[in-house]
Protein backbone atom coordinates (compact mmCIF):
# COMPACT_ATOMS: atom_id res chain seq x y z
CA UNK A 1 85.77 157.23 220.08
CA UNK A 2 85.20 160.70 218.69
CA UNK A 3 87.06 159.78 215.58
CA UNK A 4 85.31 157.27 213.36
CA UNK A 5 86.22 157.73 209.79
CA UNK A 6 85.72 154.19 208.66
CA UNK A 7 82.42 152.51 207.74
CA UNK A 8 81.85 149.80 208.87
CA UNK A 9 83.56 150.48 212.24
CA UNK A 10 84.11 147.78 214.85
CA UNK A 11 83.16 149.35 218.20
CA UNK A 12 85.44 146.92 219.96
CA UNK A 13 88.38 148.88 218.57
CA UNK A 14 87.60 151.58 221.14
CA UNK A 15 87.94 149.00 223.89
CA UNK A 16 91.14 147.56 222.41
CA UNK A 17 92.79 151.00 222.15
CA UNK A 18 92.01 151.81 225.79
CA UNK A 19 92.90 148.35 227.02
CA UNK A 20 96.27 148.46 225.25
CA UNK A 21 97.03 151.94 226.61
CA UNK A 22 96.31 150.66 230.16
CA UNK A 23 98.26 147.41 229.63
CA UNK A 24 98.49 146.62 233.31
CA UNK A 25 95.68 144.16 233.86
CA UNK A 26 97.30 141.09 232.24
CA UNK A 27 95.87 138.05 234.04
CA UNK A 28 94.81 140.01 237.15
CA UNK A 29 91.21 140.50 236.12
CA UNK A 30 88.45 138.72 234.21
CA UNK A 31 88.67 140.25 230.72
CA UNK A 32 85.05 139.40 230.00
CA UNK A 33 84.03 141.54 233.02
CA UNK A 34 86.56 144.20 232.03
CA UNK A 35 84.92 144.46 228.59
CA UNK A 36 81.43 144.59 230.13
CA UNK A 37 82.59 147.52 232.36
CA UNK A 38 83.89 149.33 229.29
CA UNK A 39 80.60 149.01 227.47
CA UNK A 40 78.57 149.91 230.63
CA UNK A 41 77.13 146.40 231.00
CA UNK A 42 78.62 145.94 234.46
CA UNK A 43 79.91 147.98 237.36
CA UNK A 44 83.67 148.38 238.01
CA UNK A 45 84.91 146.19 240.87
CA UNK A 46 88.60 147.09 241.06
CA UNK A 47 91.12 149.80 240.24
CA UNK A 48 92.10 148.36 236.90
CA UNK A 49 88.52 148.44 235.61
CA UNK A 50 88.08 151.95 236.96
CA UNK A 51 91.28 153.10 235.21
CA UNK A 52 90.13 151.57 231.93
CA UNK A 53 86.86 153.46 232.15
CA UNK A 54 88.67 156.72 232.97
CA UNK A 55 90.67 156.37 229.77
CA UNK A 56 87.47 155.64 227.86
CA UNK A 57 85.71 158.65 229.38
CA UNK A 58 88.58 160.95 228.48
CA UNK A 59 88.45 159.95 224.79
CA UNK A 60 84.69 160.16 224.70
CA UNK A 61 84.68 163.65 226.25
CA UNK A 62 87.57 165.10 224.23
CA UNK A 63 88.17 165.32 220.46
CA UNK A 64 91.42 163.47 220.00
CA UNK A 65 92.26 165.64 216.95
CA UNK A 66 92.17 168.89 218.86
CA UNK A 67 93.69 167.92 222.24
CA UNK A 68 95.78 170.67 223.80
CA UNK A 69 98.91 170.09 225.95
CA UNK A 70 96.96 171.35 228.93
CA UNK A 71 94.19 168.77 228.36
CA UNK A 72 96.79 166.03 228.02
CA UNK A 73 98.49 167.15 231.23
CA UNK A 74 95.12 167.08 233.07
CA UNK A 75 94.61 163.48 231.91
CA UNK A 76 98.08 162.43 233.00
CA UNK A 77 97.39 163.98 236.43
CA UNK A 78 94.07 162.13 236.63
CA UNK A 79 95.81 158.83 235.92
CA UNK A 80 98.60 159.64 238.41
CA UNK A 81 101.11 159.29 235.52
CA UNK A 82 104.13 161.40 236.46
CA UNK A 83 105.00 163.34 233.35
CA UNK A 84 104.76 166.92 232.11
CA UNK A 85 103.83 167.00 228.43
CA UNK A 86 105.69 169.78 226.64
CA UNK A 87 104.38 169.06 223.13
CA UNK A 88 105.48 166.82 220.28
CA UNK A 89 108.98 167.39 218.87
CA UNK A 90 109.86 166.62 215.26
CA UNK A 91 108.65 167.65 211.82
CA UNK A 92 107.28 164.25 210.75
CA UNK A 93 105.20 161.62 212.49
CA UNK A 94 108.10 159.18 212.55
CA UNK A 95 110.42 161.84 214.12
CA UNK A 96 107.83 162.63 216.77
CA UNK A 97 107.35 158.97 217.70
CA UNK A 98 111.12 158.30 217.75
CA UNK A 99 111.62 161.24 220.20
CA UNK A 100 108.81 160.02 222.38
CA UNK A 101 110.23 156.53 222.45
CA UNK A 102 113.64 157.77 223.52
CA UNK A 103 112.25 160.09 226.14
CA UNK A 104 109.72 157.65 227.66
CA UNK A 105 111.38 154.22 227.64
CA UNK A 106 110.72 153.84 231.34
CA UNK A 107 107.18 155.28 231.18
CA UNK A 108 105.52 152.81 228.85
CA UNK A 109 101.87 153.56 229.77
CA UNK A 110 102.43 157.25 229.01
CA UNK A 111 104.17 156.41 225.77
CA UNK A 112 101.28 154.22 224.65
CA UNK A 113 98.81 157.05 225.32
CA UNK A 114 100.88 159.72 223.58
CA UNK A 115 101.64 157.40 220.68
CA UNK A 116 97.93 156.99 219.96
CA UNK A 117 97.42 160.76 220.29
CA UNK A 118 100.36 161.54 218.02
CA UNK A 119 99.49 159.03 215.33
CA UNK A 120 95.73 159.92 215.27
CA UNK A 121 96.32 163.62 215.01
CA UNK A 122 98.71 163.16 212.07
CA UNK A 123 96.93 160.35 210.17
CA UNK A 124 93.31 161.03 211.16
CA UNK A 125 92.70 157.36 212.08
CA UNK A 126 92.83 155.28 215.21
CA UNK A 127 95.54 152.74 215.81
CA UNK A 128 95.71 149.99 218.46
CA UNK A 129 99.01 150.08 220.47
CA UNK A 130 99.58 146.36 220.69
CA UNK A 131 102.26 145.19 223.18
CA UNK A 132 104.51 143.52 220.59
CA UNK A 133 104.73 146.68 218.47
CA UNK A 134 105.16 148.97 221.51
CA UNK A 135 108.09 146.90 222.85
CA UNK A 136 109.73 147.13 219.42
CA UNK A 137 109.05 150.88 219.15
CA UNK A 138 110.65 151.56 222.50
CA UNK A 139 113.83 149.94 221.23
CA UNK A 140 113.83 151.88 217.97
CA UNK A 141 116.92 153.84 217.06
CA UNK A 142 116.02 154.85 213.53
CA UNK A 143 113.12 156.28 211.41
CA UNK A 144 113.11 153.03 209.45
CA UNK A 145 112.44 150.99 212.62
CA UNK A 146 109.65 153.35 213.56
CA UNK A 147 108.10 152.93 210.10
CA UNK A 148 108.26 149.13 210.41
CA UNK A 149 106.47 149.29 213.76
CA UNK A 150 103.75 151.64 212.44
CA UNK A 151 103.12 149.23 209.52
CA UNK A 152 102.64 146.42 212.06
CA UNK A 153 100.12 148.48 214.03
CA UNK A 154 98.25 149.39 210.87
CA UNK A 155 97.94 145.77 209.69
CA UNK A 156 96.72 144.62 213.08
CA UNK A 157 94.22 147.43 213.44
CA UNK A 158 92.89 146.83 209.93
CA UNK A 159 92.52 143.15 210.77
CA UNK A 160 90.39 144.01 213.77
CA UNK A 161 88.09 146.11 211.65
CA UNK A 162 87.37 143.49 208.98
CA UNK A 163 83.87 142.05 208.71
CA UNK A 164 83.15 138.50 207.72
CA UNK A 165 80.13 136.36 206.94
CA UNK A 166 78.54 135.06 210.15
CA UNK A 167 76.56 132.24 208.49
CA UNK A 168 79.36 129.79 209.23
CA UNK A 169 79.44 130.58 212.97
CA UNK A 170 76.91 127.91 214.05
CA UNK A 171 79.01 125.16 212.56
CA UNK A 172 82.41 126.27 213.80
CA UNK A 173 82.42 124.28 217.03
CA UNK A 174 81.09 121.04 215.52
CA UNK A 175 83.65 121.46 212.72
CA UNK A 176 86.46 121.90 215.23
CA UNK A 177 85.38 118.70 216.99
CA UNK A 178 85.68 116.82 213.68
CA UNK A 179 88.94 118.41 212.67
CA UNK A 180 90.59 118.50 216.12
CA UNK A 181 91.72 114.85 216.30
CA UNK A 182 93.09 114.96 212.73
CA UNK A 183 94.96 118.14 213.60
CA UNK A 184 96.61 116.66 216.67
CA UNK A 185 97.47 113.46 214.90
CA UNK A 186 99.04 115.32 211.96
CA UNK A 187 101.00 117.78 214.04
CA UNK A 188 101.93 115.81 217.12
CA UNK A 189 100.51 118.53 219.39
CA UNK A 190 98.70 117.27 222.47
CA UNK A 191 95.63 119.46 223.01
CA UNK A 192 93.23 121.88 221.29
CA UNK A 193 90.74 124.22 222.94
CA UNK A 194 88.56 127.16 222.02
CA UNK A 195 87.85 130.24 224.15
CA UNK A 196 86.31 133.66 223.89
CA UNK A 197 83.21 134.57 221.92
CA UNK A 198 82.93 131.29 219.99
CA UNK A 199 83.09 129.32 223.22
CA UNK A 200 80.46 131.62 224.78
CA UNK A 201 78.20 131.80 221.70
CA UNK A 202 78.43 135.63 221.58
CA UNK A 203 80.03 136.11 218.19
CA UNK A 204 79.42 138.89 215.66
CA UNK A 205 80.73 139.80 212.23
CA UNK A 206 84.05 141.01 213.71
CA UNK A 207 84.81 137.97 215.93
CA UNK A 208 88.05 136.04 215.67
CA UNK A 209 88.21 132.36 216.40
CA UNK A 210 90.35 131.99 219.55
CA UNK A 211 92.17 128.72 219.71
CA UNK A 212 94.46 127.34 222.34
CA UNK A 213 97.08 124.78 221.24
CA UNK A 214 98.78 122.72 223.95
CA UNK A 215 102.24 121.41 223.11
CA UNK A 216 105.18 119.72 224.72
CA UNK A 217 108.46 121.44 225.62
CA UNK A 218 110.57 122.54 223.92
CA UNK A 219 108.62 124.31 221.19
CA UNK A 220 108.79 127.21 218.72
CA UNK A 221 105.71 129.37 219.32
CA UNK A 222 105.78 131.03 215.89
CA UNK A 223 106.11 127.66 214.17
CA UNK A 224 103.13 126.23 216.18
CA UNK A 225 100.97 129.23 215.26
CA UNK A 226 101.96 129.00 211.61
CA UNK A 227 101.17 125.25 211.41
CA UNK A 228 97.85 125.76 213.18
CA UNK A 229 96.72 128.57 210.91
CA UNK A 230 97.78 126.69 207.79
CA UNK A 231 95.69 123.67 208.88
CA UNK A 232 92.49 125.44 209.86
CA UNK A 233 92.31 128.24 207.34
CA UNK A 234 91.58 125.62 204.69
CA UNK A 235 88.32 124.83 206.45
CA UNK A 236 87.40 127.95 208.45
CA UNK A 237 87.28 131.28 206.44
CA UNK A 238 87.41 133.71 209.41
CA UNK A 239 90.36 135.26 211.28
CA UNK A 240 92.00 132.90 213.78
CA UNK A 241 93.93 133.98 216.91
CA UNK A 242 96.13 131.31 218.51
CA UNK A 243 97.42 130.96 222.08
CA UNK A 244 100.23 128.39 222.51
CA UNK A 245 101.03 126.86 225.89
CA UNK A 246 102.12 123.64 227.61
CA UNK A 247 100.32 121.59 230.29
CA UNK A 248 102.84 122.84 232.86
CA UNK A 249 102.44 126.53 231.88
CA UNK A 250 98.69 126.49 231.22
CA UNK A 251 97.59 127.61 234.63
CA UNK A 252 99.75 130.74 234.94
CA UNK A 253 99.91 131.73 231.24
CA UNK A 254 96.17 131.87 230.58
CA UNK A 255 94.13 134.83 231.74
CA UNK A 256 91.08 134.56 233.96
CA UNK A 257 88.88 135.23 230.94
CA UNK A 258 90.50 132.45 228.88
CA UNK A 259 90.13 129.97 231.74
CA UNK A 260 86.48 130.86 232.33
CA UNK A 261 85.48 130.44 228.71
CA UNK A 262 87.80 127.63 227.59
CA UNK A 263 86.17 124.57 225.99
CA UNK A 264 88.03 121.38 225.16
CA UNK A 265 88.06 120.45 221.51
CA UNK A 266 90.54 117.54 221.32
CA UNK A 267 93.36 115.87 223.26
CA UNK A 268 93.61 113.66 226.33
CA UNK A 269 95.53 116.08 228.50
CA UNK A 270 94.48 116.81 232.09
CA UNK A 271 92.54 120.00 231.68
CA UNK A 272 92.32 122.34 234.67
CA UNK A 273 89.09 122.40 236.62
CA UNK A 274 88.69 126.13 235.90
CA UNK A 275 88.48 125.33 232.18
CA UNK A 276 85.88 122.59 232.32
């Protein structure tokens, strides 16, 4: 975006900020194609992709630090988001965000957009409005709760901007094949897959390792993620992102992008045809 005060800077953060503001695509589109549209590697094929690119264009054409209420209103009109922006209310960042959250509980897309504007103007840095944090913010009733949510966003954004050594990338998939069976035997989970850039062979120094863990019901998602990270971080020194699902839920819980790129690592479950 206009604002890049960190060096190195992961250009994917621009995409993630705009995607999280939009937050309406979910599993309706192929995220790989959505990303290609954002970076002008493909043409938009649907309204969701067009909306994402409109958000991108607005940020590329306007300095986020000097946006006027009139410019913000013009953007809201462009996106057909019904809201008249009257300015930020409150003396501190936390007060401004708390007021926005209380005023815009039923207008989440607008809140995401204004939250990014509000935070960036005050702190002079971009922040990614992840869904988990936004949901929590919209339920905030105190400055302390707002501060907790902001800390979450900052940690996650910093994580996305961390570089790591790419020399290990070529051995990640072979290593997962070796470790996968031991992982399932030790944990009792029933399947392990990899998707995203490592499955496609398109990694860079900012890439996370995207793993899918298949378990049986009932299960504790946070516990499964914790166990998985603890097992693999001993062998794989790069960030790991984990999707947890069951065989029954796999088809409707995974996005089109996940299904298209998924590669089996271990487990004798019946993998869907779209993932093979």
